[in-house]
Amino acid sequence: MNINLHIERLVLDGVNIAPGQRHLLQASVTMELTRLLMQNGLSPHLIESLALSHLSASSLQMTGNNPTQMGQQIAQSVYRGIGHE
């Protein structure tokens, strides 16, 4: 099965991360979301082609500003938001 995922924009309200760290956050989100999809797949109702105009993920309580940790938490929230827990 091939999964194509395109995230056009990720809005993070209240997140303060240095501009030089943004690439680490992006890479971490990508790596963790890829890992979750490869390990657990998609929810059965998403197996067919689906396009979402937006996705509201659950609220997160992030401590610190480690971009790798933050990216993992964001990816896990997005993954739950597409119907997999």
C-alpha atoms as a PDB file:
ATOM      1  CA  MET A   1       0.000   0.000   0.000  1.00  0.00           C
ATOM      2  CA  ASN A   2       1.250   3.474  -0.848  1.00  0.00           C
ATOM      3  CA  ILE A   3       0.332   6.394   1.343  1.00  0.00           C
ATOM      4  CA  ASN A   4       0.806   9.937   0.088  1.00  0.00           C
ATOM      5  CA  LEU A   5       0.515  12.598   2.719  1.00  0.00           C
ATOM      6  CA  HIS A   6       0.869  16.285   2.025  1.00  0.00           C
ATOM      7  CA  ILE A   7       0.684  18.831   4.811  1.00  0.00           C
ATOM      8  CA  GLU A   8       0.461  22.252   3.262  1.00  0.00           C
ATOM      9  CA  ARG A   9       0.470  24.206   6.471  1.00  0.00           C
ATOM     10  CA  LEU A  10       0.886  23.377  10.131  1.00  0.00           C
ATOM     11  CA  VAL A  11      -0.415  26.025  12.522  1.00  0.00           C
ATOM     12  CA  LEU A  12       0.962  25.874  16.040  1.00  0.00           C
ATOM     13  CA  ASP A  13      -0.624  28.446  18.321  1.00  0.00           C
ATOM     14  CA  GLY A  14       1.448  29.441  21.314  1.00  0.00           C
ATOM     15  CA  VAL A  15       4.582  27.569  20.242  1.00  0.00           C
ATOM     16  CA  ASN A  16       7.779  29.542  20.580  1.00  0.00           C
ATOM     17  CA  ILE A  17      10.606  27.990  18.614  1.00  0.00           C
ATOM     18  CA  ALA A  18      13.687  29.678  17.214  1.00  0.00           C
ATOM     19  CA  PRO A  19      13.685  30.093  13.430  1.00  0.00           C
ATOM     20  CA  GLY A  20      16.888  28.045  13.205  1.00  0.00           C
ATOM     21  CA  GLN A  21      15.133  25.113  14.928  1.00  0.00           C
ATOM     22  CA  ARG A  22      12.083  24.969  12.657  1.00  0.00           C
ATOM     23  CA  HIS A  23      13.703  22.517  10.251  1.00  0.00           C
ATOM     24  CA  LEU A  24      14.270  20.117  13.168  1.00  0.00           C
ATOM     25  CA  LEU A  25      10.619  20.399  14.174  1.00  0.00           C
ATOM     26  CA  GLN A  26       9.484  19.739  10.603  1.00  0.00           C
ATOM     27  CA  ALA A  27      11.825  16.751  10.214  1.00  0.00           C
ATOM     28  CA  SER A  28      10.669  15.313  13.535  1.00  0.00           C
ATOM     29  CA  VAL A  29       6.975  15.603  12.579  1.00  0.00           C
ATOM     30  CA  THR A  30       7.689  13.920   9.249  1.00  0.00           C
ATOM     31  CA  MET A  31       9.759  11.091  10.741  1.00  0.00           C
ATOM     32  CA  GLU A  32       7.312  10.310  13.548  1.00  0.00           C
ATOM     33  CA  LEU A  33       4.232  10.443  11.321  1.00  0.00           C
ATOM     34  CA  THR A  34       5.956   8.192   8.793  1.00  0.00           C
ATOM     35  CA  ARG A  35       6.890   5.757  11.574  1.00  0.00           C
ATOM     36  CA  LEU A  36       3.334   5.658  12.904  1.00  0.00           C
ATOM     37  CA  LEU A  37       1.840   5.107   9.448  1.00  0.00           C
ATOM     38  CA  MET A  38       4.336   2.361   8.603  1.00  0.00           C
ATOM     39  CA  GLN A  39       3.937   0.646  11.964  1.00  0.00           C
ATOM     40  CA  ASN A  40       0.172   0.950  12.439  1.00  0.00           C
ATOM     41  CA  GLY A  41      -1.215   1.767   9.001  1.00  0.00           C
ATOM     42  CA  LEU A  42      -4.382   3.733   8.459  1.00  0.00           C
ATOM     43  CA  SER A  43      -7.772   3.469  10.017  1.00  0.00           C
ATOM     44  CA  PRO A  44     -10.019   1.293   7.805  1.00  0.00           C
ATOM     45  CA  HIS A  45     -12.253   4.229   6.871  1.00  0.00           C
ATOM     46  CA  LEU A  46      -9.212   6.045   5.444  1.00  0.00           C
ATOM     47  CA  ILE A  47      -7.999   3.204   3.226  1.00  0.00           C
ATOM     48  CA  GLU A  48      -9.889   4.606   0.259  1.00  0.00           C
ATOM     49  CA  SER A  49      -8.695   7.851  -1.265  1.00  0.00           C
ATOM     50  CA  LEU A  50      -9.432  10.750   1.038  1.00  0.00           C
ATOM     51  CA  ALA A  51      -8.620  14.423   1.056  1.00  0.00           C
ATOM     52  CA  LEU A  52      -9.132  16.562   4.134  1.00  0.00           C
ATOM     53  CA  SER A  53      -9.288  20.324   3.778  1.00  0.00           C
ATOM     54  CA  HIS A  54      -8.248  20.636   7.407  1.00  0.00           C
ATOM     55  CA  LEU A  55      -7.659  18.549  10.476  1.00  0.00           C
ATOM     56  CA  SER A  56      -8.045  19.687  14.046  1.00  0.00           C
ATOM     57  CA  ALA A  57      -5.709  17.728  16.231  1.00  0.00           C
ATOM     58  CA  SER A  58      -6.097  17.408  19.961  1.00  0.00           C
ATOM     59  CA  SER A  59      -4.587  19.976  22.274  1.00  0.00           C
ATOM     60  CA  LEU A  60      -1.113  19.290  23.533  1.00  0.00           C
ATOM     61  CA  GLN A  61       0.676  20.333  26.678  1.00  0.00           C
ATOM     62  CA  MET A  62       4.266  20.736  25.592  1.00  0.00           C
ATOM     63  CA  THR A  63       6.982  21.280  28.114  1.00  0.00           C
ATOM     64  CA  GLY A  64      10.218  22.918  27.072  1.00  0.00           C
ATOM     65  CA  ASN A  65      11.064  23.765  23.510  1.00  0.00           C
ATOM     66  CA  ASN A  66      12.923  20.703  22.239  1.00  0.00           C
ATOM     67  CA  PRO A  67      11.982  20.610  18.528  1.00  0.00           C
ATOM     68  CA  THR A  68      12.448  16.838  18.241  1.00  0.00           C
ATOM     69  CA  GLN A  69      10.143  16.081  21.173  1.00  0.00           C
ATOM     70  CA  MET A  70       7.636  18.663  20.025  1.00  0.00           C
ATOM     71  CA  GLY A  71       7.605  17.188  16.516  1.00  0.00           C
ATOM     72  CA  GLN A  72       6.933  13.709  17.869  1.00  0.00           C
ATOM     73  CA  GLN A  73       4.040  14.960  20.004  1.00  0.00           C
ATOM     74  CA  ILE A  74       2.568  16.899  17.097  1.00  0.00           C
ATOM     75  CA  ALA A  75       2.809  13.882  14.778  1.00  0.00           C
ATOM     76  CA  GLN A  76       1.122  11.646  17.354  1.00  0.00           C
ATOM     77  CA  SER A  77      -1.696  14.154  17.727  1.00  0.00           C
ATOM     78  CA  VAL A  78      -2.127  14.399  13.948  1.00  0.00           C
ATOM     79  CA  TYR A  79      -2.130  10.606  13.709  1.00  0.00           C
ATOM     80  CA  ARG A  80      -4.877  10.384  16.331  1.00  0.00           C
ATOM     81  CA  GLY A  81      -6.733  13.102  14.415  1.00  0.00           C
ATOM     82  CA  ILE A  82      -6.904  10.998  11.261  1.00  0.00           C
ATOM     83  CA  GLY A  83      -8.797   8.368  13.159  1.00  0.00           C
ATOM     84  CA  HIS A  84      -6.194   6.084  14.659  1.00  0.00           C
ATOM     85  CA  GLU A  85      -5.566   5.818  18.383  1.00  0.00           C
END
